[in-house]
N, C-alpha and C. Protein backbone atom coordinates (compact mmCIF):
# COMPACT_ATOMS: atom_id res chain seq x y z
N MET A 1 -53.24 -11.56 -55.01
CA MET A 1 -52.62 -12.86 -55.14
C MET A 1 -51.51 -12.84 -56.18
N ALA A 2 -51.77 -12.13 -57.28
CA ALA A 2 -50.75 -12.05 -58.34
C ALA A 2 -49.51 -11.35 -57.83
N THR A 3 -49.74 -10.25 -57.05
CA THR A 3 -48.61 -9.50 -56.49
C THR A 3 -47.79 -10.38 -55.56
N SER A 4 -48.48 -11.18 -54.73
CA SER A 4 -47.79 -12.07 -53.79
C SER A 4 -46.97 -13.10 -54.53
N ALA A 5 -47.50 -13.64 -55.62
CA ALA A 5 -46.77 -14.64 -56.39
C ALA A 5 -45.53 -14.04 -57.01
N VAL A 6 -45.66 -12.80 -57.51
CA VAL A 6 -44.50 -12.12 -58.10
C VAL A 6 -43.41 -11.90 -57.06
N GLN A 7 -43.82 -11.43 -55.84
CA GLN A 7 -42.84 -11.19 -54.78
C GLN A 7 -42.15 -12.49 -54.38
N SER A 8 -42.94 -13.58 -54.30
CA SER A 8 -42.37 -14.87 -53.92
C SER A 8 -41.36 -15.34 -54.95
N ALA A 9 -41.70 -15.14 -56.20
CA ALA A 9 -40.78 -15.54 -57.26
C ALA A 9 -39.51 -14.72 -57.23
N ALA A 10 -39.64 -13.42 -56.85
CA ALA A 10 -38.46 -12.55 -56.80
C ALA A 10 -37.54 -12.92 -55.64
N LEU A 11 -38.14 -13.44 -54.55
CA LEU A 11 -37.35 -13.78 -53.36
C LEU A 11 -36.59 -15.09 -53.51
N ARG A 12 -37.09 -15.97 -54.39
CA ARG A 12 -36.46 -17.28 -54.48
C ARG A 12 -34.98 -17.22 -54.85
N PRO A 13 -34.59 -16.42 -55.88
CA PRO A 13 -33.15 -16.35 -56.20
C PRO A 13 -32.32 -15.81 -55.03
N ARG A 14 -32.91 -14.82 -54.30
CA ARG A 14 -32.17 -14.27 -53.15
C ARG A 14 -31.99 -15.32 -52.07
N ALA A 15 -33.04 -16.08 -51.81
CA ALA A 15 -32.96 -17.12 -50.79
C ALA A 15 -31.94 -18.18 -51.20
N ALA A 16 -31.95 -18.53 -52.47
CA ALA A 16 -31.01 -19.53 -52.96
C ALA A 16 -29.57 -19.03 -52.82
N THR A 17 -29.39 -17.73 -53.18
CA THR A 17 -28.06 -17.14 -53.05
C THR A 17 -27.60 -17.13 -51.60
N PHE A 18 -28.51 -16.76 -50.67
CA PHE A 18 -28.18 -16.72 -49.25
C PHE A 18 -27.77 -18.11 -48.74
N ILE A 19 -28.56 -19.12 -49.13
CA ILE A 19 -28.26 -20.49 -48.71
C ILE A 19 -26.91 -20.94 -49.25
N LEU A 20 -26.63 -20.60 -50.52
CA LEU A 20 -25.36 -20.98 -51.13
C LEU A 20 -24.18 -20.33 -50.43
N LEU A 21 -24.30 -19.01 -50.15
CA LEU A 21 -23.22 -18.30 -49.47
C LEU A 21 -23.00 -18.84 -48.06
N THR A 22 -24.11 -19.16 -47.37
CA THR A 22 -24.00 -19.72 -46.01
C THR A 22 -23.27 -21.06 -46.05
N ALA A 23 -23.60 -21.88 -47.03
CA ALA A 23 -22.95 -23.19 -47.15
C ALA A 23 -21.47 -23.04 -47.42
N ILE A 24 -21.11 -22.08 -48.30
CA ILE A 24 -19.69 -21.86 -48.61
C ILE A 24 -18.94 -21.38 -47.38
N ALA A 25 -19.56 -20.44 -46.64
CA ALA A 25 -18.93 -19.93 -45.42
C ALA A 25 -18.71 -21.05 -44.41
N ALA A 26 -19.72 -21.91 -44.27
CA ALA A 26 -19.60 -23.03 -43.33
C ALA A 26 -18.47 -23.95 -43.72
N LEU A 27 -18.34 -24.21 -45.03
CA LEU A 27 -17.25 -25.07 -45.50
C LEU A 27 -15.89 -24.45 -45.23
N LEU A 28 -15.78 -23.14 -45.50
CA LEU A 28 -14.51 -22.45 -45.26
C LEU A 28 -14.14 -22.43 -43.79
N LEU A 29 -15.13 -22.14 -42.94
CA LEU A 29 -14.86 -22.15 -41.51
C LEU A 29 -14.48 -23.53 -41.03
N GLY A 30 -15.17 -24.53 -41.55
CA GLY A 30 -14.84 -25.90 -41.17
C GLY A 30 -13.45 -26.28 -41.58
N ALA A 31 -13.03 -25.85 -42.76
CA ALA A 31 -11.68 -26.15 -43.23
C ALA A 31 -10.64 -25.47 -42.37
N GLY A 32 -10.92 -24.19 -42.00
CA GLY A 32 -9.99 -23.48 -41.13
C GLY A 32 -9.86 -24.13 -39.78
N TYR A 33 -11.00 -24.57 -39.23
CA TYR A 33 -10.99 -25.25 -37.92
C TYR A 33 -10.22 -26.55 -38.01
N GLY A 34 -10.43 -27.27 -39.13
CA GLY A 34 -9.70 -28.52 -39.30
C GLY A 34 -8.20 -28.28 -39.40
N ASP A 35 -7.80 -27.20 -40.11
CA ASP A 35 -6.38 -26.89 -40.20
C ASP A 35 -5.79 -26.59 -38.84
N ALA A 36 -6.53 -25.80 -38.03
CA ALA A 36 -6.04 -25.45 -36.70
C ALA A 36 -5.88 -26.69 -35.84
N ARG A 37 -6.88 -27.58 -35.90
CA ARG A 37 -6.78 -28.81 -35.12
C ARG A 37 -5.64 -29.67 -35.64
N GLY A 38 -5.47 -29.67 -36.95
CA GLY A 38 -4.40 -30.45 -37.53
C GLY A 38 -3.04 -29.97 -37.06
N LYS A 39 -2.86 -28.65 -36.94
CA LYS A 39 -1.59 -28.11 -36.47
C LYS A 39 -1.35 -28.51 -35.02
N ARG A 40 -2.40 -28.48 -34.21
CA ARG A 40 -2.22 -28.89 -32.81
C ARG A 40 -1.83 -30.36 -32.72
N ARG A 41 -2.46 -31.18 -33.55
CA ARG A 41 -2.10 -32.59 -33.55
C ARG A 41 -0.68 -32.77 -34.05
N HIS A 42 -0.29 -31.99 -35.04
CA HIS A 42 1.03 -32.13 -35.64
C HIS A 42 2.13 -31.83 -34.62
N SER A 43 1.87 -30.93 -33.66
CA SER A 43 2.90 -30.58 -32.68
C SER A 43 3.27 -31.76 -31.80
N PHE A 44 2.37 -32.76 -31.68
CA PHE A 44 2.68 -33.96 -30.91
C PHE A 44 2.65 -35.20 -31.80
N HIS A 45 2.71 -34.99 -33.11
CA HIS A 45 2.61 -36.11 -34.04
C HIS A 45 3.78 -37.07 -33.84
N GLY A 46 3.46 -38.32 -33.66
CA GLY A 46 4.50 -39.32 -33.50
C GLY A 46 5.17 -39.31 -32.15
N MET A 47 4.63 -38.58 -31.16
CA MET A 47 5.23 -38.51 -29.84
C MET A 47 4.36 -39.23 -28.82
N ARG A 48 4.99 -39.85 -27.85
CA ARG A 48 4.26 -40.44 -26.73
C ARG A 48 4.78 -39.83 -25.44
N ARG A 49 3.88 -39.68 -24.50
CA ARG A 49 4.23 -39.01 -23.24
C ARG A 49 4.42 -40.05 -22.14
N GLN A 50 5.40 -39.79 -21.27
CA GLN A 50 5.65 -40.67 -20.13
C GLN A 50 6.00 -39.80 -18.92
N GLU A 51 5.30 -40.00 -17.83
CA GLU A 51 5.58 -39.28 -16.59
C GLU A 51 6.18 -40.24 -15.58
N LEU A 52 7.33 -39.86 -15.01
CA LEU A 52 8.01 -40.68 -14.02
C LEU A 52 8.32 -39.82 -12.80
N HIS A 53 8.18 -40.43 -11.62
CA HIS A 53 8.52 -39.77 -10.37
C HIS A 53 9.43 -40.69 -9.57
N VAL A 54 10.68 -40.27 -9.39
CA VAL A 54 11.67 -41.09 -8.69
C VAL A 54 12.36 -40.21 -7.65
N TYR A 55 13.23 -40.82 -6.86
CA TYR A 55 13.91 -40.10 -5.78
C TYR A 55 15.42 -40.32 -5.89
N PHE A 56 16.19 -39.26 -5.53
CA PHE A 56 17.63 -39.47 -5.43
C PHE A 56 18.15 -38.88 -4.13
N HIS A 57 19.30 -39.41 -3.71
CA HIS A 57 19.81 -39.17 -2.36
C HIS A 57 21.19 -38.54 -2.46
N ASP A 58 21.30 -37.33 -1.93
CA ASP A 58 22.47 -36.49 -2.06
C ASP A 58 23.20 -36.43 -0.71
N ARG A 59 24.41 -36.93 -0.66
CA ARG A 59 25.18 -36.90 0.58
C ARG A 59 26.48 -36.14 0.33
N LEU A 60 26.64 -35.01 1.03
CA LEU A 60 27.80 -34.14 0.82
C LEU A 60 29.09 -34.89 1.09
N ASN A 61 30.02 -34.78 0.13
CA ASN A 61 31.35 -35.40 0.18
C ASN A 61 31.29 -36.92 0.26
N VAL A 62 30.14 -37.51 -0.14
CA VAL A 62 30.03 -38.96 -0.33
C VAL A 62 29.55 -39.21 -1.76
N THR A 63 28.31 -38.78 -2.06
CA THR A 63 27.81 -38.87 -3.44
C THR A 63 27.79 -37.50 -4.12
N ASP A 64 28.00 -36.44 -3.35
CA ASP A 64 28.05 -35.07 -3.87
C ASP A 64 29.33 -34.45 -3.34
N VAL A 65 30.39 -34.46 -4.17
CA VAL A 65 31.73 -34.12 -3.71
C VAL A 65 32.08 -32.70 -4.11
N LEU A 66 32.52 -31.90 -3.14
CA LEU A 66 32.97 -30.53 -3.41
C LEU A 66 34.32 -30.59 -4.11
N VAL A 67 34.35 -30.11 -5.37
CA VAL A 67 35.57 -30.12 -6.15
C VAL A 67 36.34 -28.82 -5.97
N ALA A 68 35.64 -27.69 -5.97
CA ALA A 68 36.29 -26.39 -5.85
C ALA A 68 35.37 -25.43 -5.13
N GLU A 69 35.92 -24.69 -4.19
CA GLU A 69 35.17 -23.66 -3.47
C GLU A 69 35.73 -22.32 -3.90
N HIS A 70 35.00 -21.64 -4.78
CA HIS A 70 35.54 -20.43 -5.41
C HIS A 70 35.57 -19.25 -4.44
N ALA A 71 34.45 -18.99 -3.78
CA ALA A 71 34.35 -17.84 -2.87
C ALA A 71 34.35 -18.34 -1.43
N PRO A 72 34.97 -17.60 -0.52
CA PRO A 72 34.97 -18.05 0.88
C PRO A 72 33.57 -17.99 1.48
N GLY A 73 33.32 -18.88 2.41
CA GLY A 73 32.02 -18.89 3.08
C GLY A 73 31.65 -20.29 3.49
N PRO A 74 30.69 -20.42 4.39
CA PRO A 74 30.31 -21.74 4.89
C PRO A 74 29.43 -22.50 3.89
N ILE A 75 29.50 -23.81 3.98
CA ILE A 75 28.59 -24.67 3.22
C ILE A 75 27.55 -25.20 4.20
N THR A 76 26.28 -24.93 3.90
CA THR A 76 25.19 -25.39 4.75
C THR A 76 24.41 -26.47 4.02
N GLN A 77 23.31 -26.93 4.64
CA GLN A 77 22.51 -27.97 4.01
C GLN A 77 21.90 -27.50 2.70
N THR A 78 21.61 -26.22 2.57
CA THR A 78 20.92 -25.73 1.38
C THR A 78 21.69 -24.67 0.60
N ALA A 79 22.90 -24.34 1.01
CA ALA A 79 23.61 -23.26 0.33
C ALA A 79 25.11 -23.54 0.32
N ALA A 80 25.76 -23.00 -0.73
CA ALA A 80 27.21 -23.08 -0.86
C ALA A 80 27.70 -21.77 -1.45
N PRO A 81 28.96 -21.38 -1.18
CA PRO A 81 29.47 -20.12 -1.72
C PRO A 81 29.38 -20.05 -3.24
N TYR A 82 29.16 -18.85 -3.74
CA TYR A 82 29.02 -18.62 -5.18
C TYR A 82 30.23 -19.17 -5.93
N GLY A 83 29.98 -19.94 -7.00
CA GLY A 83 31.04 -20.47 -7.83
C GLY A 83 31.57 -21.83 -7.40
N SER A 84 31.05 -22.37 -6.30
CA SER A 84 31.50 -23.69 -5.86
C SER A 84 31.08 -24.75 -6.87
N LEU A 85 31.95 -25.72 -7.09
CA LEU A 85 31.72 -26.76 -8.08
C LEU A 85 31.61 -28.12 -7.38
N PHE A 86 30.54 -28.86 -7.71
CA PHE A 86 30.30 -30.17 -7.11
C PHE A 86 30.20 -31.22 -8.21
N CYS A 87 30.71 -32.40 -7.91
CA CYS A 87 30.56 -33.56 -8.77
C CYS A 87 29.57 -34.51 -8.11
N VAL A 88 28.54 -34.94 -8.84
CA VAL A 88 27.41 -35.65 -8.24
C VAL A 88 27.31 -37.07 -8.81
N ASN A 89 27.08 -38.04 -7.92
CA ASN A 89 26.79 -39.41 -8.33
C ASN A 89 25.86 -40.00 -7.28
N ASP A 90 24.56 -39.69 -7.40
CA ASP A 90 23.57 -40.03 -6.38
C ASP A 90 22.80 -41.29 -6.75
N HIS A 91 22.46 -42.10 -5.75
CA HIS A 91 21.59 -43.24 -5.95
C HIS A 91 20.17 -42.76 -6.27
N MET A 92 19.50 -43.44 -7.18
CA MET A 92 18.11 -43.12 -7.54
C MET A 92 17.23 -44.31 -7.17
N THR A 93 16.17 -44.04 -6.40
CA THR A 93 15.35 -45.12 -5.86
C THR A 93 13.86 -44.91 -6.17
N VAL A 94 13.07 -45.94 -5.86
CA VAL A 94 11.64 -45.89 -6.11
C VAL A 94 10.93 -44.94 -5.16
N THR A 95 11.32 -44.94 -3.88
CA THR A 95 10.69 -44.09 -2.87
C THR A 95 11.74 -43.24 -2.18
N ARG A 96 11.31 -42.44 -1.24
CA ARG A 96 12.23 -41.59 -0.49
C ARG A 96 13.11 -42.39 0.47
N ASP A 97 12.75 -43.62 0.71
CA ASP A 97 13.55 -44.50 1.57
C ASP A 97 14.81 -44.90 0.80
N PRO A 98 16.00 -44.58 1.31
CA PRO A 98 17.23 -44.91 0.57
C PRO A 98 17.44 -46.40 0.39
N ASP A 99 16.74 -47.22 1.19
CA ASP A 99 16.87 -48.67 1.06
C ASP A 99 15.82 -49.27 0.13
N SER A 100 14.98 -48.43 -0.50
CA SER A 100 14.00 -48.95 -1.47
C SER A 100 14.71 -49.36 -2.75
N ALA A 101 13.97 -49.96 -3.67
CA ALA A 101 14.56 -50.54 -4.88
C ALA A 101 15.38 -49.51 -5.65
N LEU A 102 16.60 -49.91 -6.03
CA LEU A 102 17.50 -49.04 -6.77
C LEU A 102 17.13 -49.04 -8.24
N LEU A 103 17.00 -47.84 -8.83
CA LEU A 103 16.63 -47.69 -10.23
C LEU A 103 17.83 -47.32 -11.11
N GLY A 104 18.84 -46.71 -10.51
CA GLY A 104 19.98 -46.24 -11.26
C GLY A 104 20.68 -45.12 -10.50
N HIS A 105 21.24 -44.15 -11.26
CA HIS A 105 22.00 -43.07 -10.64
C HIS A 105 21.74 -41.74 -11.35
N VAL A 106 21.95 -40.68 -10.61
CA VAL A 106 21.96 -39.33 -11.16
C VAL A 106 23.39 -38.83 -11.06
N THR A 107 24.04 -38.59 -12.18
CA THR A 107 25.43 -38.17 -12.20
C THR A 107 25.56 -36.85 -12.97
N GLY A 108 26.58 -36.06 -12.60
CA GLY A 108 26.80 -34.81 -13.31
C GLY A 108 27.56 -33.81 -12.49
N LEU A 109 27.42 -32.54 -12.90
CA LEU A 109 28.11 -31.43 -12.26
C LEU A 109 27.11 -30.35 -11.90
N SER A 110 27.38 -29.64 -10.79
CA SER A 110 26.57 -28.48 -10.43
C SER A 110 27.48 -27.38 -9.92
N THR A 111 27.13 -26.16 -10.25
CA THR A 111 27.90 -24.99 -9.84
C THR A 111 26.97 -23.99 -9.18
N THR A 112 27.34 -23.48 -8.02
CA THR A 112 26.52 -22.47 -7.35
C THR A 112 26.44 -21.23 -8.23
N ALA A 113 25.22 -20.81 -8.55
CA ALA A 113 25.04 -19.75 -9.54
C ALA A 113 24.33 -18.53 -8.98
N SER A 114 24.26 -18.41 -7.65
CA SER A 114 23.65 -17.22 -7.05
C SER A 114 24.41 -16.88 -5.77
N PHE A 115 24.39 -15.60 -5.39
CA PHE A 115 25.14 -15.18 -4.21
C PHE A 115 24.49 -15.62 -2.91
N ASP A 116 23.18 -15.98 -2.97
CA ASP A 116 22.57 -16.51 -1.75
C ASP A 116 22.84 -18.01 -1.60
N GLY A 117 23.45 -18.61 -2.61
CA GLY A 117 23.92 -19.98 -2.50
C GLY A 117 22.88 -21.05 -2.67
N VAL A 118 21.65 -20.70 -3.07
CA VAL A 118 20.60 -21.73 -3.16
C VAL A 118 20.24 -22.07 -4.61
N THR A 119 20.85 -21.42 -5.58
CA THR A 119 20.60 -21.72 -6.98
C THR A 119 21.86 -22.29 -7.61
N TYR A 120 21.68 -23.39 -8.33
CA TYR A 120 22.80 -24.08 -8.95
C TYR A 120 22.53 -24.25 -10.44
N PHE A 121 23.59 -24.10 -11.23
CA PHE A 121 23.48 -24.51 -12.63
C PHE A 121 23.94 -25.94 -12.72
N CYS A 122 23.08 -26.82 -13.23
CA CYS A 122 23.35 -28.25 -13.20
C CYS A 122 23.28 -28.85 -14.59
N THR A 123 24.13 -29.80 -14.83
CA THR A 123 24.02 -30.66 -16.00
C THR A 123 24.12 -32.09 -15.51
N PHE A 124 23.02 -32.83 -15.65
CA PHE A 124 22.91 -34.17 -15.08
C PHE A 124 22.58 -35.19 -16.17
N THR A 125 23.02 -36.41 -15.94
CA THR A 125 22.57 -37.57 -16.70
C THR A 125 21.86 -38.51 -15.74
N VAL A 126 20.59 -38.76 -16.01
CA VAL A 126 19.79 -39.67 -15.20
C VAL A 126 19.85 -41.04 -15.87
N SER A 127 20.49 -41.99 -15.21
CA SER A 127 20.73 -43.31 -15.80
C SER A 127 19.81 -44.35 -15.14
N PHE A 128 18.95 -44.96 -15.94
CA PHE A 128 18.07 -46.04 -15.47
C PHE A 128 18.67 -47.38 -15.88
N ASN A 129 18.61 -48.35 -14.96
CA ASN A 129 19.02 -49.71 -15.27
C ASN A 129 18.16 -50.66 -14.46
N THR A 130 16.99 -51.00 -15.01
CA THR A 130 16.07 -51.89 -14.31
C THR A 130 15.70 -53.09 -15.18
N THR A 131 16.63 -53.52 -16.03
CA THR A 131 16.36 -54.71 -16.84
C THR A 131 16.28 -55.95 -15.96
N LYS A 132 16.95 -55.90 -14.81
CA LYS A 132 16.80 -56.94 -13.79
C LYS A 132 16.30 -56.24 -12.52
N PRO A 133 15.00 -55.90 -12.49
CA PRO A 133 14.48 -55.06 -11.40
C PRO A 133 14.61 -55.71 -10.04
N GLN A 134 14.88 -54.85 -9.05
CA GLN A 134 14.93 -55.32 -7.67
C GLN A 134 13.51 -55.48 -7.13
N PRO A 135 13.33 -56.29 -6.09
CA PRO A 135 12.01 -56.41 -5.46
C PRO A 135 11.49 -55.04 -5.02
N GLY A 136 10.24 -54.77 -5.31
CA GLY A 136 9.64 -53.49 -4.97
C GLY A 136 9.63 -52.49 -6.11
N THR A 137 10.20 -52.86 -7.27
CA THR A 137 10.18 -51.97 -8.43
C THR A 137 8.84 -52.10 -9.15
N PRO A 138 8.07 -51.02 -9.29
CA PRO A 138 6.77 -51.10 -9.97
C PRO A 138 6.94 -51.41 -11.45
N ALA A 139 5.86 -51.91 -12.05
CA ALA A 139 5.92 -52.38 -13.44
C ALA A 139 6.35 -51.28 -14.40
N HIS A 140 5.86 -50.04 -14.19
CA HIS A 140 6.16 -48.97 -15.15
C HIS A 140 7.61 -48.51 -15.08
N LEU A 141 8.34 -48.91 -14.03
CA LEU A 141 9.75 -48.57 -13.91
C LEU A 141 10.66 -49.77 -14.18
N SER A 142 10.08 -50.90 -14.52
CA SER A 142 10.86 -52.11 -14.78
C SER A 142 11.22 -52.18 -16.27
N GLY A 143 12.33 -52.83 -16.56
CA GLY A 143 12.73 -53.05 -17.94
C GLY A 143 13.31 -51.83 -18.63
N LEU A 144 13.73 -50.83 -17.87
CA LEU A 144 14.29 -49.61 -18.45
C LEU A 144 15.81 -49.69 -18.50
N ASP A 145 16.39 -49.25 -19.59
CA ASP A 145 17.84 -49.22 -19.73
C ASP A 145 18.19 -48.06 -20.66
N GLY A 146 18.57 -46.94 -20.07
CA GLY A 146 18.89 -45.78 -20.88
C GLY A 146 19.13 -44.56 -20.01
N THR A 147 19.38 -43.45 -20.66
CA THR A 147 19.71 -42.21 -19.95
C THR A 147 18.83 -41.07 -20.41
N ILE A 148 18.70 -40.08 -19.52
CA ILE A 148 18.02 -38.82 -19.82
C ILE A 148 18.96 -37.69 -19.45
N ASN A 149 19.19 -36.76 -20.35
CA ASN A 149 20.06 -35.62 -20.08
C ASN A 149 19.22 -34.41 -19.71
N ILE A 150 19.57 -33.77 -18.60
CA ILE A 150 18.85 -32.58 -18.16
C ILE A 150 19.85 -31.50 -17.80
N PHE A 151 19.44 -30.25 -18.00
CA PHE A 151 20.30 -29.15 -17.58
C PHE A 151 19.44 -27.94 -17.27
N GLY A 152 19.99 -27.02 -16.49
CA GLY A 152 19.29 -25.79 -16.17
C GLY A 152 19.60 -25.33 -14.77
N LEU A 153 18.89 -24.29 -14.34
CA LEU A 153 19.05 -23.74 -13.01
C LEU A 153 18.14 -24.47 -12.03
N VAL A 154 18.72 -24.95 -10.95
CA VAL A 154 17.98 -25.67 -9.92
C VAL A 154 18.02 -24.84 -8.64
N ASN A 155 16.85 -24.52 -8.11
CA ASN A 155 16.74 -23.84 -6.83
C ASN A 155 16.36 -24.89 -5.78
N VAL A 156 17.18 -25.03 -4.75
CA VAL A 156 16.95 -26.10 -3.77
C VAL A 156 15.80 -25.78 -2.82
N ILE A 157 15.22 -24.58 -2.94
CA ILE A 157 14.10 -24.19 -2.08
C ILE A 157 12.81 -24.10 -2.89
N GLU A 158 12.87 -23.50 -4.09
CA GLU A 158 11.70 -23.34 -4.95
C GLU A 158 11.90 -24.12 -6.24
N PRO A 159 11.29 -25.31 -6.36
CA PRO A 159 11.51 -26.13 -7.55
C PRO A 159 10.91 -25.51 -8.80
N LYS A 160 11.67 -25.59 -9.90
CA LYS A 160 11.20 -25.11 -11.20
C LYS A 160 11.64 -26.11 -12.27
N PRO A 161 10.84 -26.27 -13.34
CA PRO A 161 11.21 -27.22 -14.38
C PRO A 161 12.39 -26.73 -15.21
N HIS A 162 13.20 -27.67 -15.65
CA HIS A 162 14.25 -27.34 -16.60
C HIS A 162 14.26 -28.39 -17.70
N ALA A 163 15.06 -28.17 -18.73
CA ALA A 163 14.89 -28.88 -19.99
C ALA A 163 15.51 -30.27 -19.97
N ILE A 164 14.81 -31.20 -20.62
CA ILE A 164 15.40 -32.48 -21.00
C ILE A 164 15.97 -32.31 -22.40
N SER A 165 17.25 -32.62 -22.56
CA SER A 165 17.91 -32.31 -23.83
C SER A 165 18.29 -33.55 -24.62
N GLY A 166 17.61 -34.66 -24.37
CA GLY A 166 17.89 -35.86 -25.15
C GLY A 166 18.00 -37.08 -24.25
N GLY A 167 18.19 -38.22 -24.88
CA GLY A 167 18.32 -39.44 -24.11
C GLY A 167 18.80 -40.58 -24.98
N THR A 168 19.03 -41.73 -24.34
CA THR A 168 19.49 -42.92 -25.04
C THR A 168 18.67 -44.11 -24.59
N GLY A 169 18.80 -45.23 -25.30
CA GLY A 169 18.16 -46.47 -24.90
C GLY A 169 16.65 -46.35 -24.81
N SER A 170 16.11 -46.67 -23.64
CA SER A 170 14.66 -46.60 -23.44
C SER A 170 14.13 -45.18 -23.59
N PHE A 171 15.01 -44.17 -23.57
CA PHE A 171 14.59 -42.78 -23.66
C PHE A 171 15.23 -42.08 -24.86
N LEU A 172 15.41 -42.84 -25.94
CA LEU A 172 16.06 -42.30 -27.13
C LEU A 172 15.32 -41.07 -27.65
N MET A 173 16.08 -39.99 -27.85
CA MET A 173 15.57 -38.72 -28.39
C MET A 173 14.52 -38.10 -27.48
N ALA A 174 14.65 -38.29 -26.18
CA ALA A 174 13.69 -37.74 -25.23
C ALA A 174 13.76 -36.22 -25.20
N GLN A 175 12.60 -35.60 -24.96
CA GLN A 175 12.51 -34.17 -24.69
C GLN A 175 11.42 -33.95 -23.67
N GLY A 176 11.36 -32.75 -23.12
CA GLY A 176 10.36 -32.46 -22.09
C GLY A 176 10.98 -31.66 -20.97
N THR A 177 10.50 -31.89 -19.75
CA THR A 177 10.99 -31.13 -18.59
C THR A 177 11.29 -32.06 -17.42
N ALA A 178 12.18 -31.60 -16.57
CA ALA A 178 12.52 -32.30 -15.34
C ALA A 178 12.49 -31.30 -14.20
N THR A 179 11.88 -31.67 -13.10
CA THR A 179 11.79 -30.79 -11.93
C THR A 179 12.35 -31.51 -10.72
N ILE A 180 13.31 -30.86 -10.06
CA ILE A 180 13.91 -31.41 -8.84
C ILE A 180 13.22 -30.78 -7.64
N VAL A 181 12.54 -31.61 -6.85
CA VAL A 181 11.74 -31.14 -5.73
C VAL A 181 12.41 -31.56 -4.43
N PRO A 182 12.80 -30.61 -3.56
CA PRO A 182 13.40 -31.00 -2.27
C PRO A 182 12.37 -31.66 -1.36
N ILE A 183 12.73 -32.81 -0.81
CA ILE A 183 11.86 -33.54 0.10
C ILE A 183 12.36 -33.41 1.53
N ASP A 184 13.66 -33.60 1.72
CA ASP A 184 14.25 -33.47 3.05
C ASP A 184 15.65 -32.92 2.89
N VAL A 185 15.85 -31.64 3.28
CA VAL A 185 17.16 -30.99 3.16
C VAL A 185 17.64 -30.50 4.52
N ARG A 186 17.18 -31.15 5.59
CA ARG A 186 17.53 -30.71 6.94
C ARG A 186 18.93 -31.13 7.36
N THR A 187 19.49 -32.13 6.69
CA THR A 187 20.84 -32.59 7.02
C THR A 187 21.65 -32.65 5.74
N PHE A 188 22.88 -33.10 5.85
CA PHE A 188 23.71 -33.26 4.66
C PHE A 188 23.41 -34.55 3.91
N LYS A 189 22.47 -35.35 4.44
CA LYS A 189 21.94 -36.48 3.70
C LYS A 189 20.58 -36.05 3.15
N GLN A 190 20.59 -35.47 1.98
CA GLN A 190 19.40 -34.83 1.44
C GLN A 190 18.65 -35.77 0.49
N ILE A 191 17.32 -35.57 0.42
CA ILE A 191 16.47 -36.38 -0.44
C ILE A 191 15.71 -35.45 -1.37
N TYR A 192 15.72 -35.78 -2.65
CA TYR A 192 15.00 -35.00 -3.66
C TYR A 192 14.12 -35.94 -4.48
N ARG A 193 12.99 -35.40 -4.93
CA ARG A 193 12.16 -36.12 -5.89
C ARG A 193 12.41 -35.55 -7.28
N LEU A 194 12.53 -36.42 -8.24
CA LEU A 194 12.76 -36.01 -9.61
C LEU A 194 11.50 -36.31 -10.42
N ASP A 195 10.82 -35.25 -10.87
CA ASP A 195 9.59 -35.38 -11.66
C ASP A 195 9.95 -35.20 -13.13
N LEU A 196 9.77 -36.25 -13.91
CA LEU A 196 10.12 -36.24 -15.33
C LEU A 196 8.85 -36.26 -16.18
N ASP A 197 8.71 -35.28 -17.04
CA ASP A 197 7.61 -35.22 -18.01
C ASP A 197 8.25 -35.35 -19.39
N ILE A 198 8.17 -36.56 -19.95
CA ILE A 198 9.00 -36.92 -21.09
C ILE A 198 8.13 -37.12 -22.33
N TYR A 199 8.62 -36.62 -23.48
CA TYR A 199 8.01 -36.90 -24.78
C TYR A 199 9.05 -37.59 -25.65
N MET A 200 8.64 -38.70 -26.27
CA MET A 200 9.56 -39.47 -27.10
C MET A 200 8.86 -39.92 -28.38
N PRO A 201 9.61 -40.18 -29.44
CA PRO A 201 9.00 -40.72 -30.65
C PRO A 201 8.28 -42.03 -30.35
N ALA A 202 7.11 -42.21 -30.92
CA ALA A 202 6.33 -43.43 -30.70
C ALA A 202 7.01 -44.63 -31.35
């Protein structure tokens, strides 16, 4: 019994030390985890996200005007000769129906940037003006007045996101991505969906 009591007494400091070290380790790990979570929160600190899906209507030599044809070759529904320059001013609507509620316009320039003619380098300004919304405009698209600037390579067959580089009004200091998705490119009256994933200061 005496031996057991001695051993128990000898173990107590070790047990206390083990418990203390475990507690310190837990605190340190917890602090590290909190820092990591804090950094993730900080990356979106003060930002709010808004997703919008709208449509625009591209009509060759009506809302999409050929300014310069650099290389010889035919212009088709989905392709133009390399280096061709277009000036764009397309109607933007709520749905793919061109007669649906008008939201604004997509204006800018595009240049054919591939020899197969299906990739364009584009710089666009997406202008919303729904302070006096037309019938059929959903609530989340009403009351908007501002612009979104987008640029990048647009493939009319395989949609890919490109950068939002700022905005004004309802979209002041916007950032995020914009993806142009072809909906109907069978004729020269083409329809595209514009998917906007926007982050703005709260």
